[in-house]
């Protein structure tokens, strides 16, 4: 397993990850470090543990908001699918009614045509 040295709050940490996950681990650590930097600007150096906990809470809050948004979007998609299916069914009904009207009209035209041909003889 590869080892990666990441930096949070200007301190190095040796981390182990799966093969090929090194860049992803570095990106995740950078996100946490960015939150630590923001928190440090606001609260000062309140200790590594506290800064890391606060950063973890900020990231967890963002994840919670994103998860809620995903659930909302998934529900919206399901609603759109239901609306689409209802529209398709309405269109099928309208198509069926139109076919019946066209067929009925064609039959009436044929009947009139036959009557006119009979009257002309």
C-alpha atoms as a PDB file:
ATOM      1  CA  UNK A   1       0.000   0.000   0.000  1.00  0.00           C
ATOM      2  CA  UNK A   2       1.365   3.394  -0.940  1.00  0.00           C
ATOM      3  CA  UNK A   3       2.256   5.941   1.699  1.00  0.00           C
ATOM      4  CA  UNK A   4       1.489   9.580   1.170  1.00  0.00           C
ATOM      5  CA  UNK A   5       2.640  12.523   3.244  1.00  0.00           C
ATOM      6  CA  UNK A   6      -0.144  15.084   3.510  1.00  0.00           C
ATOM      7  CA  UNK A   7      -0.114  18.422   5.278  1.00  0.00           C
ATOM      8  CA  UNK A   8      -2.837  19.850   7.497  1.00  0.00           C
ATOM      9  CA  UNK A   9      -2.282  22.995   9.519  1.00  0.00           C
ATOM     10  CA  UNK A  10       1.301  23.048   8.260  1.00  0.00           C
ATOM     11  CA  UNK A  11       1.986  19.670   9.849  1.00  0.00           C
ATOM     12  CA  UNK A  12       2.926  16.536   7.926  1.00  0.00           C
ATOM     13  CA  UNK A  13       0.947  13.323   8.340  1.00  0.00           C
ATOM     14  CA  UNK A  14       1.950   9.940   6.913  1.00  0.00           C
ATOM     15  CA  UNK A  15      -1.106   8.253   5.441  1.00  0.00           C
ATOM     16  CA  UNK A  16      -1.591   4.882   3.792  1.00  0.00           C
ATOM     17  CA  UNK A  17      -4.054   4.411   0.952  1.00  0.00           C
ATOM     18  CA  UNK A  18      -4.979   1.945  -1.759  1.00  0.00           C
ATOM     19  CA  UNK A  19      -2.965   1.859  -4.957  1.00  0.00           C
ATOM     20  CA  UNK A  20      -4.049   4.637  -7.293  1.00  0.00           C
ATOM     21  CA  UNK A  21      -5.817   6.622  -4.550  1.00  0.00           C
ATOM     22  CA  UNK A  22      -2.868   8.872  -3.743  1.00  0.00           C
ATOM     23  CA  UNK A  23      -4.106  11.930  -5.654  1.00  0.00           C
ATOM     24  CA  UNK A  24      -7.606  11.564  -4.247  1.00  0.00           C
ATOM     25  CA  UNK A  25      -6.221  11.391  -0.703  1.00  0.00           C
ATOM     26  CA  UNK A  26      -4.176  14.531  -1.345  1.00  0.00           C
ATOM     27  CA  UNK A  27      -7.274  16.331  -2.718  1.00  0.00           C
ATOM     28  CA  UNK A  28      -9.361  15.346   0.311  1.00  0.00           C
ATOM     29  CA  UNK A  29      -6.639  16.469   2.666  1.00  0.00           C
ATOM     30  CA  UNK A  30      -6.384  19.775   0.821  1.00  0.00           C
ATOM     31  CA  UNK A  31     -10.107  20.337   1.398  1.00  0.00           C
ATOM     32  CA  UNK A  32      -9.672  19.730   5.114  1.00  0.00           C
ATOM     33  CA  UNK A  33      -6.586  21.915   5.262  1.00  0.00           C
ATOM     34  CA  UNK A  34      -8.466  24.734   3.505  1.00  0.00           C
ATOM     35  CA  UNK A  35     -11.151  24.572   6.193  1.00  0.00           C
ATOM     36  CA  UNK A  36      -8.500  24.536   8.925  1.00  0.00           C
ATOM     37  CA  UNK A  37      -6.894  27.646   7.398  1.00  0.00           C
ATOM     38  CA  UNK A  38     -10.276  29.451   7.353  1.00  0.00           C
ATOM     39  CA  UNK A  39     -11.009  28.443  10.932  1.00  0.00           C
ATOM     40  CA  UNK A  40      -7.530  29.458  12.077  1.00  0.00           C
ATOM     41  CA  UNK A  41      -8.069  32.925  10.569  1.00  0.00           C
ATOM     42  CA  UNK A  42     -11.337  33.235  12.483  1.00  0.00           C
ATOM     43  CA  UNK A  43     -10.463  31.612  15.816  1.00  0.00           C
ATOM     44  CA  UNK A  44      -6.675  31.625  15.878  1.00  0.00           C
ATOM     45  CA  UNK A  45      -4.501  28.662  16.735  1.00  0.00           C
ATOM     46  CA  UNK A  46      -6.796  26.822  19.175  1.00  0.00           C
ATOM     47  CA  UNK A  47      -4.937  23.526  18.934  1.00  0.00           C
ATOM     48  CA  UNK A  48      -4.624  20.906  16.238  1.00  0.00           C
ATOM     49  CA  UNK A  49      -7.273  18.597  17.642  1.00  0.00           C
ATOM     50  CA  UNK A  50      -9.848  21.325  17.996  1.00  0.00           C
ATOM     51  CA  UNK A  51      -9.106  22.790  14.548  1.00  0.00           C
ATOM     52  CA  UNK A  52      -9.317  19.344  12.967  1.00  0.00           C
ATOM     53  CA  UNK A  53     -12.595  18.625  14.750  1.00  0.00           C
ATOM     54  CA  UNK A  54     -14.036  21.972  13.676  1.00  0.00           C
ATOM     55  CA  UNK A  55     -12.867  21.398  10.095  1.00  0.00           C
ATOM     56  CA  UNK A  56     -14.365  17.898  10.145  1.00  0.00           C
ATOM     57  CA  UNK A  57     -17.675  19.362  11.335  1.00  0.00           C
ATOM     58  CA  UNK A  58     -17.655  21.966   8.546  1.00  0.00           C
ATOM     59  CA  UNK A  59     -16.936  19.277   5.942  1.00  0.00           C
ATOM     60  CA  UNK A  60     -19.563  16.970   7.480  1.00  0.00           C
ATOM     61  CA  UNK A  61     -22.095  19.823   7.354  1.00  0.00           C
ATOM     62  CA  UNK A  62     -21.334  20.384   3.663  1.00  0.00           C
ATOM     63  CA  UNK A  63     -21.704  16.653   3.046  1.00  0.00           C
ATOM     64  CA  UNK A  64     -25.026  16.628   4.917  1.00  0.00           C
ATOM     65  CA  UNK A  65     -26.310  19.557   2.853  1.00  0.00           C
ATOM     66  CA  UNK A  66     -25.145  17.875  -0.368  1.00  0.00           C
ATOM     67  CA  UNK A  67     -26.836  14.605   0.641  1.00  0.00           C
ATOM     68  CA  UNK A  68     -30.083  16.444   1.375  1.00  0.00           C
ATOM     69  CA  UNK A  69     -29.868  18.234  -1.957  1.00  0.00           C
ATOM     70  CA  UNK A  70     -29.259  14.924  -3.746  1.00  0.00           C
ATOM     71  CA  UNK A  71     -32.322  13.414  -2.047  1.00  0.00           C
ATOM     72  CA  UNK A  72     -34.398  16.423  -3.096  1.00  0.00           C
ATOM     73  CA  UNK A  73     -33.147  16.181  -6.671  1.00  0.00           C
ATOM     74  CA  UNK A  74     -33.813  12.443  -6.771  1.00  0.00           C
ATOM     75  CA  UNK A  75     -37.373  13.065  -5.563  1.00  0.00           C
ATOM     76  CA  UNK A  76     -37.757  15.766  -8.226  1.00  0.00           C
ATOM     77  CA  UNK A  77     -36.516  13.339 -10.877  1.00  0.00           C
ATOM     78  CA  UNK A  78     -39.032  10.731  -9.746  1.00  0.00           C
ATOM     79  CA  UNK A  79     -41.783  13.357  -9.902  1.00  0.00           C
ATOM     80  CA  UNK A  80     -40.677  14.318 -13.409  1.00  0.00           C
ATOM     81  CA  UNK A  81     -40.690  10.662 -14.448  1.00  0.00           C
ATOM     82  CA  UNK A  82     -44.228  10.265 -13.091  1.00  0.00           C
ATOM     83  CA  UNK A  83     -45.354  13.428 -14.904  1.00  0.00           C
ATOM     84  CA  UNK A  84     -43.708  12.222 -18.118  1.00  0.00           C
ATOM     85  CA  UNK A  85     -45.401   8.819 -17.849  1.00  0.00           C
ATOM     86  CA  UNK A  86     -48.775  10.507 -17.261  1.00  0.00           C
ATOM     87  CA  UNK A  87     -48.204  12.752 -20.294  1.00  0.00           C
ATOM     88  CA  UNK A  88     -47.287   9.741 -22.435  1.00  0.00           C
ATOM     89  CA  UNK A  89     -50.474   7.983 -21.352  1.00  0.00           C
ATOM     90  CA  UNK A  90     -52.538  11.090 -22.173  1.00  0.00           C
ATOM     91  CA  UNK A  91     -50.877  11.284 -25.583  1.00  0.00           C
ATOM     92  CA  UNK A  92     -51.653   7.622 -26.233  1.00  0.00           C
ATOM     93  CA  UNK A  93     -55.280   8.255 -25.325  1.00  0.00           C
ATOM     94  CA  UNK A  94     -55.419  11.284 -27.611  1.00  0.00           C
ATOM     95  CA  UNK A  95     -53.752   9.323 -30.399  1.00  0.00           C
ATOM     96  CA  UNK A  96     -56.287   6.514 -29.997  1.00  0.00           C
ATOM     97  CA  UNK A  97     -59.179   9.001 -30.061  1.00  0.00           C
ATOM     98  CA  UNK A  98     -57.743  10.698 -33.150  1.00  0.00           C
ATOM     99  CA  UNK A  99     -57.366   7.368 -34.956  1.00  0.00           C
ATOM    100  CA  UNK A 100     -60.976   6.548 -34.135  1.00  0.00           C
ATOM    101  CA  UNK A 101     -62.154   9.949 -35.443  1.00  0.00           C
ATOM    102  CA  UNK A 102     -60.124   9.641 -38.646  1.00  0.00           C
ATOM    103  CA  UNK A 103     -61.392   6.071 -39.184  1.00  0.00           C
ATOM    104  CA  UNK A 104     -64.987   7.139 -38.545  1.00  0.00           C
ATOM    105  CA  UNK A 105     -64.630  10.099 -40.902  1.00  0.00           C
ATOM    106  CA  UNK A 106     -63.088   7.904 -43.612  1.00  0.00           C
ATOM    107  CA  UNK A 107     -65.957   5.414 -43.259  1.00  0.00           C
ATOM    108  CA  UNK A 108     -68.512   8.236 -43.567  1.00  0.00           C
ATOM    109  CA  UNK A 109     -66.745   9.580 -46.665  1.00  0.00           C
ATOM    110  CA  UNK A 110     -66.768   6.083 -48.213  1.00  0.00           C
ATOM    111  CA  UNK A 111     -70.461   5.722 -47.386  1.00  0.00           C
ATOM    112  CA  UNK A 112     -71.281   9.119 -48.958  1.00  0.00           C
ATOM    113  CA  UNK A 113     -69.170   8.269 -51.978  1.00  0.00           C
ATOM    114  CA  UNK A 114     -71.043   4.964 -52.420  1.00  0.00           C
ATOM    115  CA  UNK A 115     -74.373   6.780 -52.118  1.00  0.00           C
ATOM    116  CA  UNK A 116     -73.327   9.358 -54.703  1.00  0.00           C
ATOM    117  CA  UNK A 117     -72.124   6.653 -57.074  1.00  0.00           C
ATOM    118  CA  UNK A 118     -75.433   4.773 -56.657  1.00  0.00           C
ATOM    119  CA  UNK A 119     -77.444   7.942 -57.265  1.00  0.00           C
ATOM    120  CA  UNK A 120     -75.415   8.786 -60.370  1.00  0.00           C
ATOM    121  CA  UNK A 121     -76.239   5.425 -62.034  1.00  0.00           C
END
